[in-house]
Amino acid sequence: MALAGAAAQPDLPPRTTVLAGPSAGFQLPACSRATAGPVDGGWEVEDSHVTAMEAALAQVLPALAERDGYGIGTENPDPLTYRMNDPRWQREIFGITRGGRRILYANFVPADILPDQRHLPTNVCDGGPAFFGVEYDVAAGRISHIAFNGALGGPFWPAYTP
């Protein structure tokens, strides 16, 4: 039962795991994709941060289809057809700090992959652009970096930075 006057909490996307913020020096999943830089520390993510990141990502990813270097229809699931709370991916989310900024980091893995819960976030080598990492700058309210996995023989999508 909801309390009168209480704001409803946003629902997290399906298959979302929110992890504890890491310690300084933590290595982001990067076997076959670039990261935006080192991790200075971590912080506790709130559901509202995830909702804001999802809304921003649902705008940025489809817009990449208009840019050189990204191939719509080459991946399954296709990141360029992403929609908010897209059930085709599972998410492993945690808060990092870098250069004094709070960044929400989200590791996106296709929903049909079974991650090893003992080793999160999931680190997949190759796999192609259906596996990607997103950095959302909380204070700026925007996606600051997206890196897509490479694949044996390609395709190789460039990292997105605004």
Protein backbone atom coordinates (compact mmCIF):
# COMPACT_ATOMS: atom_id res chain seq x y z
CA MET A 1 0.00 0.00 0.00
CA ALA A 2 1.38 3.41 -0.97
CA LEU A 3 1.31 6.25 1.49
CA ALA A 4 -0.76 9.28 0.55
CA GLY A 5 1.46 11.98 -0.87
CA ALA A 6 4.45 9.66 -1.31
CA ALA A 7 6.10 9.77 -4.71
CA ALA A 8 6.18 6.46 -6.56
CA GLN A 9 9.67 5.04 -6.95
CA PRO A 10 10.77 4.38 -10.52
CA ASP A 11 10.99 0.72 -11.47
CA LEU A 12 14.41 -0.57 -12.43
CA PRO A 13 14.73 -2.16 -15.86
CA PRO A 14 14.33 -5.95 -15.97
CA ARG A 15 17.45 -7.98 -15.16
CA THR A 16 19.22 -5.10 -13.43
CA THR A 17 21.81 -5.79 -10.75
CA VAL A 18 23.01 -2.80 -8.75
CA LEU A 19 26.44 -3.52 -7.29
CA ALA A 20 28.35 -1.79 -4.50
CA GLY A 21 30.62 1.04 -5.59
CA PRO A 22 34.19 -0.17 -6.16
CA SER A 23 37.40 0.92 -4.48
CA ALA A 24 39.98 3.18 -6.10
CA GLY A 25 41.96 1.38 -8.79
CA PHE A 26 39.10 -0.95 -9.78
CA GLN A 27 39.41 -2.10 -13.39
CA LEU A 28 36.25 -1.64 -15.46
CA PRO A 29 35.30 -4.54 -17.76
CA ALA A 30 37.52 -3.86 -20.75
CA CYS A 31 38.79 -7.04 -22.37
CA SER A 32 37.87 -5.92 -25.89
CA ARG A 33 36.60 -2.39 -25.38
CA ALA A 34 38.06 0.92 -24.27
CA THR A 35 37.28 2.59 -20.97
CA ALA A 36 37.16 6.32 -20.32
CA GLY A 37 39.79 6.20 -17.59
CA PRO A 38 40.70 5.00 -14.11
CA VAL A 39 38.33 4.65 -11.17
CA ASP A 40 39.04 6.86 -8.15
CA GLY A 41 36.38 5.25 -5.92
CA GLY A 42 32.71 4.37 -5.70
CA TRP A 43 29.34 5.56 -4.40
CA GLU A 44 25.85 4.13 -3.86
CA VAL A 45 23.57 4.37 -6.91
CA GLU A 46 19.92 5.38 -6.46
CA ASP A 47 17.08 4.08 -8.63
CA SER A 48 16.46 7.62 -9.95
CA HIS A 49 20.02 7.67 -11.38
CA VAL A 50 19.32 4.45 -13.29
CA THR A 51 16.06 5.88 -14.65
CA ALA A 52 17.83 9.05 -15.83
CA MET A 53 20.61 7.02 -17.48
CA GLU A 54 18.05 4.82 -19.25
CA ALA A 55 16.20 7.85 -20.64
CA ALA A 56 19.45 9.39 -21.93
CA LEU A 57 20.67 6.11 -23.40
CA ALA A 58 17.39 5.57 -25.27
CA GLN A 59 18.11 8.86 -27.08
CA VAL A 60 21.84 8.42 -27.72
CA LEU A 61 22.05 4.82 -29.00
CA PRO A 62 19.45 5.09 -31.81
CA ALA A 63 21.05 8.40 -32.90
CA LEU A 64 24.36 6.59 -33.50
CA ALA A 65 22.76 4.82 -36.48
CA GLU A 66 23.17 8.10 -38.40
CA ARG A 67 26.93 8.23 -37.76
CA ASP A 68 29.76 6.60 -39.66
CA GLY A 69 31.21 3.50 -38.06
CA TYR A 70 28.00 2.07 -36.60
CA GLY A 71 26.09 -0.62 -38.50
CA ILE A 72 22.39 -0.96 -37.80
CA GLY A 73 21.20 -4.54 -38.08
CA THR A 74 24.64 -6.11 -37.69
CA GLU A 75 24.09 -7.21 -34.08
CA ASN A 76 21.54 -9.29 -32.20
CA PRO A 77 20.35 -7.67 -30.05
CA ASP A 78 21.05 -4.43 -31.91
CA PRO A 79 22.12 -1.56 -29.63
CA LEU A 80 21.07 0.95 -32.30
CA THR A 81 17.43 -0.06 -31.77
CA TYR A 82 17.67 0.38 -27.98
CA ARG A 83 14.63 1.65 -26.08
CA MET A 84 14.28 2.68 -22.43
CA ASN A 85 14.34 -0.31 -20.05
CA ASP A 86 15.04 -2.57 -23.02
CA PRO A 87 14.48 -6.19 -21.91
CA ARG A 88 16.97 -7.53 -24.47
CA TRP A 89 19.85 -6.66 -22.12
CA GLN A 90 20.72 -7.29 -18.51
CA ARG A 91 22.52 -4.53 -16.66
CA GLU A 92 25.22 -4.55 -14.01
CA ILE A 93 25.30 -1.04 -12.55
CA PHE A 94 27.50 0.68 -9.99
CA GLY A 95 28.68 4.17 -9.10
CA ILE A 96 32.26 5.23 -9.77
CA THR A 97 34.10 8.49 -9.21
CA ARG A 98 36.62 9.88 -11.65
CA GLY A 99 38.19 13.31 -11.38
CA GLY A 100 35.75 14.26 -8.61
CA ARG A 101 32.70 13.44 -10.76
CA ARG A 102 30.05 10.84 -9.91
CA ILE A 103 29.59 8.50 -12.85
CA LEU A 104 26.99 5.75 -13.11
CA TYR A 105 28.68 2.82 -14.88
CA ALA A 106 26.44 0.27 -16.60
CA ASN A 107 27.71 -2.96 -18.11
CA PHE A 108 25.21 -4.21 -20.74
CA VAL A 109 25.15 -7.93 -21.55
CA PRO A 110 22.56 -9.62 -23.81
CA ALA A 111 19.72 -11.03 -21.69
CA ASP A 112 20.25 -14.61 -22.89
CA ILE A 113 23.81 -14.77 -21.45
CA LEU A 114 24.08 -16.38 -18.02
CA PRO A 115 26.55 -14.35 -15.94
CA ASP A 116 28.61 -15.94 -13.19
CA GLN A 117 27.18 -14.25 -10.08
CA ARG A 118 30.50 -14.83 -8.26
CA HIS A 119 32.33 -12.60 -10.75
CA LEU A 120 30.44 -9.39 -11.36
CA PRO A 121 30.58 -7.25 -13.34
CA THR A 122 30.70 -9.68 -16.24
CA ASN A 123 33.79 -9.29 -18.40
CA VAL A 124 33.34 -10.72 -21.89
CA CYS A 125 36.13 -10.73 -24.44
CA ASP A 126 34.96 -10.16 -27.99
CA GLY A 127 31.20 -10.76 -28.29
CA GLY A 128 30.71 -7.78 -30.57
CA PRO A 129 28.84 -4.51 -30.04
CA ALA A 130 25.85 -6.24 -28.39
CA PHE A 131 28.07 -6.08 -25.27
CA PHE A 132 28.78 -2.50 -24.20
CA GLY A 133 29.66 -0.26 -21.28
CA VAL A 134 27.96 3.06 -20.57
CA GLU A 135 29.11 5.95 -18.41
CA TYR A 136 26.47 8.45 -17.30
CA ASP A 137 27.63 11.70 -15.67
CA VAL A 138 25.09 12.28 -12.90
CA ALA A 139 25.73 16.02 -12.42
CA ALA A 140 25.71 16.78 -16.16
CA GLY A 141 22.70 14.50 -16.75
CA ARG A 142 24.19 12.97 -19.88
CA ILE A 143 25.91 9.94 -21.31
CA SER A 144 29.64 10.72 -21.25
CA HIS A 145 31.06 7.53 -22.78
CA ILE A 146 29.88 4.33 -24.49
CA ALA A 147 32.32 1.61 -25.50
CA PHE A 148 31.31 -1.44 -27.51
CA ASN A 149 33.06 -4.80 -27.44
CA GLY A 150 34.95 -5.84 -30.51
CA ALA A 151 34.48 -9.22 -32.17
CA LEU A 152 36.83 -11.67 -33.79
CA GLY A 153 36.94 -10.36 -37.35
CA GLY A 154 34.68 -7.36 -36.55
CA PRO A 155 32.58 -5.36 -36.53
CA PHE A 156 34.46 -2.76 -34.53
CA TRP A 157 32.36 0.21 -33.50
CA PRO A 158 34.03 3.40 -32.29
CA ALA A 159 33.59 4.54 -28.70
CA TYR A 160 31.01 7.30 -28.29
CA THR A 161 31.94 10.49 -26.48
CA PRO A 162 29.80 13.61 -26.88
